[in-house]
C-alpha atoms as a PDB file:
ATOM      1  CA  UNK A   1      20.522  32.556  -7.266  1.00  0.00           C
ATOM      2  CA  UNK A   2      22.764  31.347  -4.466  1.00  0.00           C
ATOM      3  CA  UNK A   3      21.569  34.150  -2.199  1.00  0.00           C
ATOM      4  CA  UNK A   4      17.932  33.230  -2.852  1.00  0.00           C
ATOM      5  CA  UNK A   5      18.675  29.605  -2.031  1.00  0.00           C
ATOM      6  CA  UNK A   6      20.353  30.546   1.239  1.00  0.00           C
ATOM      7  CA  UNK A   7      17.393  32.731   2.223  1.00  0.00           C
ATOM      8  CA  UNK A   8      14.943  29.937   1.380  1.00  0.00           C
ATOM      9  CA  UNK A   9      16.955  27.441   3.407  1.00  0.00           C
ATOM     10  CA  UNK A  10      17.075  29.849   6.356  1.00  0.00           C
ATOM     11  CA  UNK A  11      13.309  30.396   6.208  1.00  0.00           C
ATOM     12  CA  UNK A  12      12.626  26.661   6.085  1.00  0.00           C
ATOM     13  CA  UNK A  13      15.011  26.049   8.983  1.00  0.00           C
ATOM     14  CA  UNK A  14      13.330  28.802  10.994  1.00  0.00           C
ATOM     15  CA  UNK A  15       9.886  27.366  10.321  1.00  0.00           C
ATOM     16  CA  UNK A  16      11.158  23.908  11.241  1.00  0.00           C
ATOM     17  CA  UNK A  17      12.462  25.123  14.599  1.00  0.00           C
ATOM     18  CA  UNK A  18       9.276  27.135  15.255  1.00  0.00           C
ATOM     19  CA  UNK A  19       7.122  24.120  14.433  1.00  0.00           C
ATOM     20  CA  UNK A  20       9.283  21.957  16.696  1.00  0.00           C
ATOM     21  CA  UNK A  21       8.798  24.361  19.605  1.00  0.00           C
ATOM     22  CA  UNK A  22       5.039  24.672  19.087  1.00  0.00           C
ATOM     23  CA  UNK A  23       4.528  20.933  18.641  1.00  0.00           C
ATOM     24  CA  UNK A  24       6.655  20.161  21.698  1.00  0.00           C
ATOM     25  CA  UNK A  25       4.632  22.591  23.806  1.00  0.00           C
ATOM     26  CA  UNK A  26       1.386  20.804  22.923  1.00  0.00           C
ATOM     27  CA  UNK A  27       2.811  17.257  22.952  1.00  0.00           C
ATOM     28  CA  UNK A  28       1.501  15.340  25.937  1.00  0.00           C
ATOM     29  CA  UNK A  29       2.577  11.746  26.562  1.00  0.00           C
ATOM     30  CA  UNK A  30       4.128   9.675  29.290  1.00  0.00           C
ATOM     31  CA  UNK A  31       5.996   7.339  26.967  1.00  0.00           C
ATOM     32  CA  UNK A  32       8.647   9.743  25.653  1.00  0.00           C
ATOM     33  CA  UNK A  33      10.046  13.229  26.206  1.00  0.00           C
ATOM     34  CA  UNK A  34       7.962  16.053  24.765  1.00  0.00           C
ATOM     35  CA  UNK A  35      10.917  17.405  22.765  1.00  0.00           C
ATOM     36  CA  UNK A  36      11.445  14.019  21.097  1.00  0.00           C
ATOM     37  CA  UNK A  37       7.746  13.718  20.297  1.00  0.00           C
ATOM     38  CA  UNK A  38       7.631  17.219  18.826  1.00  0.00           C
ATOM     39  CA  UNK A  39      10.720  16.518  16.730  1.00  0.00           C
ATOM     40  CA  UNK A  40       9.181  13.316  15.317  1.00  0.00           C
ATOM     41  CA  UNK A  41       5.970  15.077  14.283  1.00  0.00           C
ATOM     42  CA  UNK A  42       7.825  18.057  12.798  1.00  0.00           C
ATOM     43  CA  UNK A  43      10.336  15.941  10.899  1.00  0.00           C
ATOM     44  CA  UNK A  44       7.568  13.704   9.554  1.00  0.00           C
ATOM     45  CA  UNK A  45       5.684  16.794   8.375  1.00  0.00           C
ATOM     46  CA  UNK A  46       8.864  18.126   6.725  1.00  0.00           C
ATOM     47  CA  UNK A  47       9.432  14.882   4.810  1.00  0.00           C
ATOM     48  CA  UNK A  48       5.782  14.799   3.728  1.00  0.00           C
ATOM     49  CA  UNK A  49       5.888  18.383   2.449  1.00  0.00           C
ATOM     50  CA  UNK A  50       9.239  17.709   0.763  1.00  0.00           C
ATOM     51  CA  UNK A  51       7.718  14.840  -1.223  1.00  0.00           C
ATOM     52  CA  UNK A  52       4.558  16.793  -2.075  1.00  0.00           C
ATOM     53  CA  UNK A  53       6.624  19.812  -3.178  1.00  0.00           C
ATOM     54  CA  UNK A  54       7.413  17.965  -6.413  1.00  0.00           C
ATOM     55  CA  UNK A  55       3.820  18.681  -7.472  1.00  0.00           C
ATOM     56  CA  UNK A  56       4.953  22.311  -7.887  1.00  0.00           C
ATOM     57  CA  UNK A  57       8.316  21.652  -9.523  1.00  0.00           C
ATOM     58  CA  UNK A  58      11.626  19.907  -8.946  1.00  0.00           C
ATOM     59  CA  UNK A  59      13.405  21.501  -5.993  1.00  0.00           C
ATOM     60  CA  UNK A  60      16.220  20.825  -3.495  1.00  0.00           C
ATOM     61  CA  UNK A  61      13.809  19.734  -0.754  1.00  0.00           C
ATOM     62  CA  UNK A  62      12.376  16.975  -2.948  1.00  0.00           C
ATOM     63  CA  UNK A  63      15.862  15.894  -4.050  1.00  0.00           C
ATOM     64  CA  UNK A  64      16.909  15.662  -0.375  1.00  0.00           C
ATOM     65  CA  UNK A  65      15.048  12.310  -0.070  1.00  0.00           C
ATOM     66  CA  UNK A  66      17.111  10.828  -2.907  1.00  0.00           C
ATOM     67  CA  UNK A  67      20.407  12.729  -2.779  1.00  0.00           C
ATOM     68  CA  UNK A  68      21.519  10.851   0.321  1.00  0.00           C
ATOM     69  CA  UNK A  69      21.386   7.577  -1.634  1.00  0.00           C
ATOM     70  CA  UNK A  70      23.667   9.066  -4.271  1.00  0.00           C
ATOM     71  CA  UNK A  71      26.207   9.902  -1.569  1.00  0.00           C
ATOM     72  CA  UNK A  72      27.217   6.268  -1.873  1.00  0.00           C
ATOM     73  CA  UNK A  73      29.269   7.370  -4.881  1.00  0.00           C
ATOM     74  CA  UNK A  74      31.250   9.790  -2.727  1.00  0.00           C
ATOM     75  CA  UNK A  75      34.440   8.548  -1.121  1.00  0.00           C
ATOM     76  CA  UNK A  76      34.279  10.890   1.879  1.00  0.00           C
ATOM     77  CA  UNK A  77      30.512  11.105   2.464  1.00  0.00           C
ATOM     78  CA  UNK A  78      29.462   7.604   1.485  1.00  0.00           C
ATOM     79  CA  UNK A  79      28.326   6.916   5.040  1.00  0.00           C
ATOM     80  CA  UNK A  80      25.342   9.227   4.515  1.00  0.00           C
ATOM     81  CA  UNK A  81      23.796   6.681   2.151  1.00  0.00           C
ATOM     82  CA  UNK A  82      23.558   4.120   4.926  1.00  0.00           C
ATOM     83  CA  UNK A  83      20.675   5.873   6.681  1.00  0.00           C
ATOM     84  CA  UNK A  84      18.132   6.024   3.813  1.00  0.00           C
ATOM     85  CA  UNK A  85      19.267   2.628   2.518  1.00  0.00           C
ATOM     86  CA  UNK A  86      18.834   1.050   5.945  1.00  0.00           C
ATOM     87  CA  UNK A  87      15.415   2.679   6.263  1.00  0.00           C
ATOM     88  CA  UNK A  88      14.245   1.447   2.855  1.00  0.00           C
ATOM     89  CA  UNK A  89      15.583  -2.083   3.264  1.00  0.00           C
ATOM     90  CA  UNK A  90      14.416  -2.329   6.871  1.00  0.00           C
ATOM     91  CA  UNK A  91      10.919  -1.093   6.057  1.00  0.00           C
ATOM     92  CA  UNK A  92      10.583  -3.426   3.084  1.00  0.00           C
ATOM     93  CA  UNK A  93      11.927  -6.457   4.911  1.00  0.00           C
ATOM     94  CA  UNK A  94      10.214  -5.806   8.216  1.00  0.00           C
ATOM     95  CA  UNK A  95       6.790  -4.621   7.088  1.00  0.00           C
ATOM     96  CA  UNK A  96       6.095  -5.193   3.401  1.00  0.00           C
ATOM     97  CA  UNK A  97       7.534  -8.709   3.241  1.00  0.00           C
ATOM     98  CA  UNK A  98       5.282 -10.016   5.994  1.00  0.00           C
ATOM     99  CA  UNK A  99       2.282  -8.108   4.634  1.00  0.00           C
ATOM    100  CA  UNK A 100       2.757  -9.336   1.075  1.00  0.00           C
ATOM    101  CA  UNK A 101       3.401 -12.890   2.244  1.00  0.00           C
ATOM    102  CA  UNK A 102       0.162 -12.865   4.197  1.00  0.00           C
ATOM    103  CA  UNK A 103      -2.047 -11.049   1.671  1.00  0.00           C
ATOM    104  CA  UNK A 104      -0.613 -12.078  -1.716  1.00  0.00           C
ATOM    105  CA  UNK A 105       0.225 -15.674  -0.896  1.00  0.00           C
ATOM    106  CA  UNK A 106      -1.304 -17.222   2.207  1.00  0.00           C
ATOM    107  CA  UNK A 107      -4.707 -15.524   2.088  1.00  0.00           C
ATOM    108  CA  UNK A 108      -5.085 -15.963  -1.665  1.00  0.00           C
ATOM    109  CA  UNK A 109      -4.224 -19.642  -1.469  1.00  0.00           C
ATOM    110  CA  UNK A 110      -6.545 -20.249   1.482  1.00  0.00           C
ATOM    111  CA  UNK A 111      -9.329 -18.308  -0.275  1.00  0.00           C
ATOM    112  CA  UNK A 112      -9.393 -20.910  -3.065  1.00  0.00           C
ATOM    113  CA  UNK A 113     -10.125 -23.769  -0.630  1.00  0.00           C
ATOM    114  CA  UNK A 114     -13.867 -23.159  -0.443  1.00  0.00           C
ATOM    115  CA  UNK A 115     -16.757 -25.644  -0.137  1.00  0.00           C
ATOM    116  CA  UNK A 116     -18.505 -26.144  -3.472  1.00  0.00           C
ATOM    117  CA  UNK A 117     -21.828 -26.826  -1.735  1.00  0.00           C
ATOM    118  CA  UNK A 118     -22.214 -24.374   1.123  1.00  0.00           C
ATOM    119  CA  UNK A 119     -24.243 -25.596   4.091  1.00  0.00           C
ATOM    120  CA  UNK A 120     -25.616 -28.473   1.984  1.00  0.00           C
ATOM    121  CA  UNK A 121     -28.512 -30.344   3.637  1.00  0.00           C
ATOM    122  CA  UNK A 122     -30.031 -32.075   0.642  1.00  0.00           C
ATOM    123  CA  UNK A 123     -31.933 -31.110  -2.493  1.00  0.00           C
ATOM    124  CA  UNK A 124     -35.218 -30.697  -0.660  1.00  0.00           C
ATOM    125  CA  UNK A 125     -33.782 -28.229   1.812  1.00  0.00           C
ATOM    126  CA  UNK A 126     -32.055 -26.354  -1.010  1.00  0.00           C
ATOM    127  CA  UNK A 127     -35.284 -26.002  -3.050  1.00  0.00           C
ATOM    128  CA  UNK A 128     -37.470 -25.092  -0.076  1.00  0.00           C
ATOM    129  CA  UNK A 129     -35.027 -22.421   1.097  1.00  0.00           C
ATOM    130  CA  UNK A 130     -34.080 -21.156  -2.360  1.00  0.00           C
ATOM    131  CA  UNK A 131     -33.332 -17.422  -2.360  1.00  0.00           C
ATOM    132  CA  UNK A 132     -31.492 -14.934  -4.550  1.00  0.00           C
ATOM    133  CA  UNK A 133     -30.405 -12.949  -1.522  1.00  0.00           C
ATOM    134  CA  UNK A 134     -26.721 -12.008  -1.400  1.00  0.00           C
ATOM    135  CA  UNK A 135     -26.404 -13.945   1.864  1.00  0.00           C
ATOM    136  CA  UNK A 136     -28.382 -16.928   0.628  1.00  0.00           C
ATOM    137  CA  UNK A 137     -27.136 -20.439  -0.007  1.00  0.00           C
ATOM    138  CA  UNK A 138     -27.589 -20.315  -3.796  1.00  0.00           C
ATOM    139  CA  UNK A 139     -25.472 -17.178  -4.243  1.00  0.00           C
ATOM    140  CA  UNK A 140     -22.767 -18.575  -1.942  1.00  0.00           C
ATOM    141  CA  UNK A 141     -22.620 -21.813  -3.953  1.00  0.00           C
ATOM    142  CA  UNK A 142     -22.428 -19.937  -7.281  1.00  0.00           C
ATOM    143  CA  UNK A 143     -19.679 -17.654  -5.938  1.00  0.00           C
ATOM    144  CA  UNK A 144     -17.586 -20.587  -4.731  1.00  0.00           C
ATOM    145  CA  UNK A 145     -17.992 -22.394  -8.073  1.00  0.00           C
ATOM    146  CA  UNK A 146     -16.857 -19.245  -9.902  1.00  0.00           C
ATOM    147  CA  UNK A 147     -13.764 -19.082  -7.685  1.00  0.00           C
ATOM    148  CA  UNK A 148     -13.034 -22.784  -8.171  1.00  0.00           C
ATOM    149  CA  UNK A 149     -13.461 -22.776 -11.956  1.00  0.00           C
ATOM    150  CA  UNK A 150     -11.608 -19.455 -12.301  1.00  0.00           C
ATOM    151  CA  UNK A 151      -8.579 -20.843 -10.450  1.00  0.00           C
ATOM    152  CA  UNK A 152      -8.591 -24.055 -12.492  1.00  0.00           C
ATOM    153  CA  UNK A 153      -8.875 -22.155 -15.812  1.00  0.00           C
ATOM    154  CA  UNK A 154      -6.129 -19.752 -14.746  1.00  0.00           C
ATOM    155  CA  UNK A 155      -3.804 -22.661 -13.963  1.00  0.00           C
ATOM    156  CA  UNK A 156      -4.660 -24.306 -17.298  1.00  0.00           C
ATOM    157  CA  UNK A 157      -3.582 -21.146 -19.146  1.00  0.00           C
ATOM    158  CA  UNK A 158      -0.070 -21.577 -17.731  1.00  0.00           C
ATOM    159  CA  UNK A 159       0.044 -25.312 -18.589  1.00  0.00           C
ATOM    160  CA  UNK A 160       2.116 -25.424 -21.778  1.00  0.00           C
ATOM    161  CA  UNK A 161       2.802 -29.172 -21.948  1.00  0.00           C
ATOM    162  CA  UNK A 162      -0.468 -29.693 -23.838  1.00  0.00           C
ATOM    163  CA  UNK A 163      -1.657 -27.788 -26.912  1.00  0.00           C
ATOM    164  CA  UNK A 164      -4.505 -25.423 -26.152  1.00  0.00           C
ATOM    165  CA  UNK A 165      -7.225 -26.909 -28.342  1.00  0.00           C
ATOM    166  CA  UNK A 166     -10.802 -28.080 -27.800  1.00  0.00           C
ATOM    167  CA  UNK A 167     -12.072 -28.031 -24.230  1.00  0.00           C
ATOM    168  CA  UNK A 168      -8.559 -27.438 -22.934  1.00  0.00           C
ATOM    169  CA  UNK A 169      -8.196 -24.401 -25.190  1.00  0.00           C
ATOM    170  CA  UNK A 170     -11.618 -23.051 -24.173  1.00  0.00           C
ATOM    171  CA  UNK A 171     -10.663 -23.335 -20.513  1.00  0.00           C
ATOM    172  CA  UNK A 172      -7.397 -21.562 -21.304  1.00  0.00           C
ATOM    173  CA  UNK A 173      -9.265 -18.655 -22.904  1.00  0.00           C
ATOM    174  CA  UNK A 174     -11.535 -18.423 -19.874  1.00  0.00           C
ATOM    175  CA  UNK A 175      -8.376 -18.331 -17.758  1.00  0.00           C
ATOM    176  CA  UNK A 176      -7.168 -15.315 -19.752  1.00  0.00           C
ATOM    177  CA  UNK A 177     -10.377 -13.451 -18.946  1.00  0.00           C
ATOM    178  CA  UNK A 178     -10.075 -14.368 -15.277  1.00  0.00           C
ATOM    179  CA  UNK A 179      -6.489 -13.124 -15.174  1.00  0.00           C
ATOM    180  CA  UNK A 180      -7.353  -9.853 -16.925  1.00  0.00           C
ATOM    181  CA  UNK A 181     -10.241  -9.179 -14.539  1.00  0.00           C
ATOM    182  CA  UNK A 182      -7.975  -9.990 -11.596  1.00  0.00           C
ATOM    183  CA  UNK A 183      -5.201  -7.694 -12.849  1.00  0.00           C
ATOM    184  CA  UNK A 184      -7.702  -4.903 -13.451  1.00  0.00           C
ATOM    185  CA  UNK A 185      -9.132  -5.243  -9.956  1.00  0.00           C
ATOM    186  CA  UNK A 186      -5.613  -5.325  -8.513  1.00  0.00           C
ATOM    187  CA  UNK A 187      -4.664  -2.175 -10.418  1.00  0.00           C
ATOM    188  CA  UNK A 188      -7.800  -0.402  -9.211  1.00  0.00           C
ATOM    189  CA  UNK A 189      -7.051  -1.468  -5.650  1.00  0.00           C
ATOM    190  CA  UNK A 190      -3.493  -0.141  -6.010  1.00  0.00           C
ATOM    191  CA  UNK A 191      -4.744   3.248  -7.208  1.00  0.00           C
ATOM    192  CA  UNK A 192      -7.225   3.466  -4.348  1.00  0.00           C
ATOM    193  CA  UNK A 193      -4.462   2.451  -1.959  1.00  0.00           C
ATOM    194  CA  UNK A 194      -2.267   5.320  -3.161  1.00  0.00           C
ATOM    195  CA  UNK A 195      -5.175   7.741  -2.761  1.00  0.00           C
ATOM    196  CA  UNK A 196      -5.704   6.397   0.753  1.00  0.00           C
ATOM    197  CA  UNK A 197      -2.032   7.051   1.537  1.00  0.00           C
ATOM    198  CA  UNK A 198      -2.383  10.626   0.259  1.00  0.00           C
ATOM    199  CA  UNK A 199      -5.463  11.179   2.420  1.00  0.00           C
ATOM    200  CA  UNK A 200      -3.577   9.743   5.387  1.00  0.00           C
ATOM    201  CA  UNK A 201      -0.629  12.109   4.954  1.00  0.00           C
ATOM    202  CA  UNK A 202      -2.907  15.145   4.485  1.00  0.00           C
ATOM    203  CA  UNK A 203      -4.803  14.130   7.625  1.00  0.00           C
ATOM    204  CA  UNK A 204      -1.479  13.863   9.449  1.00  0.00           C
ATOM    205  CA  UNK A 205      -0.487  17.362   8.382  1.00  0.00           C
ATOM    206  CA  UNK A 206      -3.758  19.021   9.389  1.00  0.00           C
ATOM    207  CA  UNK A 207      -4.408  16.968  12.539  1.00  0.00           C
ATOM    208  CA  UNK A 208      -1.129  15.832  14.120  1.00  0.00           C
ATOM    209  CA  UNK A 209       1.121  18.646  12.873  1.00  0.00           C
ATOM    210  CA  UNK A 210      -1.028  21.763  12.561  1.00  0.00           C
ATOM    211  CA  UNK A 211      -3.799  20.673  14.927  1.00  0.00           C
ATOM    212  CA  UNK A 212      -6.508  22.235  12.760  1.00  0.00           C
ATOM    213  CA  UNK A 213      -8.787  19.183  12.894  1.00  0.00           C
ATOM    214  CA  UNK A 214      -9.560  16.918  15.817  1.00  0.00           C
END
């Protein structure tokens, strides 16, 4: 078993070096050295394939992305854990924090401040220009009222200082439906986001690494 592992490691190392040479030969840029650019593409492809290799079965290449974190438990090789930990913390703090703050907080809050009567110019104008078109005034007004009432009912559901009975209780139940629809849409968006990431990595492998697609 140990001999097979050594052979597999040697083959992977050989392919890594070969890919580095081929990518460097075709890497054209004025911003960085071609060897550095080829190494970045090859190493990125290696990490991508290492993660995707878990679809076959658990293997040393997949464990390589997590084993360095466990080196923190080692007295002599604990310094190895600093690199993946710094990468994870730095990526989360530098990219995800700003993105989540903008998308999950600022944009959602600002999206609730909508005019309840869009482009209102009087009842006569509204009746004479009445339309069920998706870009029409009536649909825009209905959509903004749905957003406004949905936010109010959602907030009422979390208001526990008053017993949820009567109109207050009805609004609370509407808030539950709004929250469930929102969570379902968020979950669907998350799944589609993961699929988009997979498509992006596959595109990277076949376009940037292998050069099979333009």
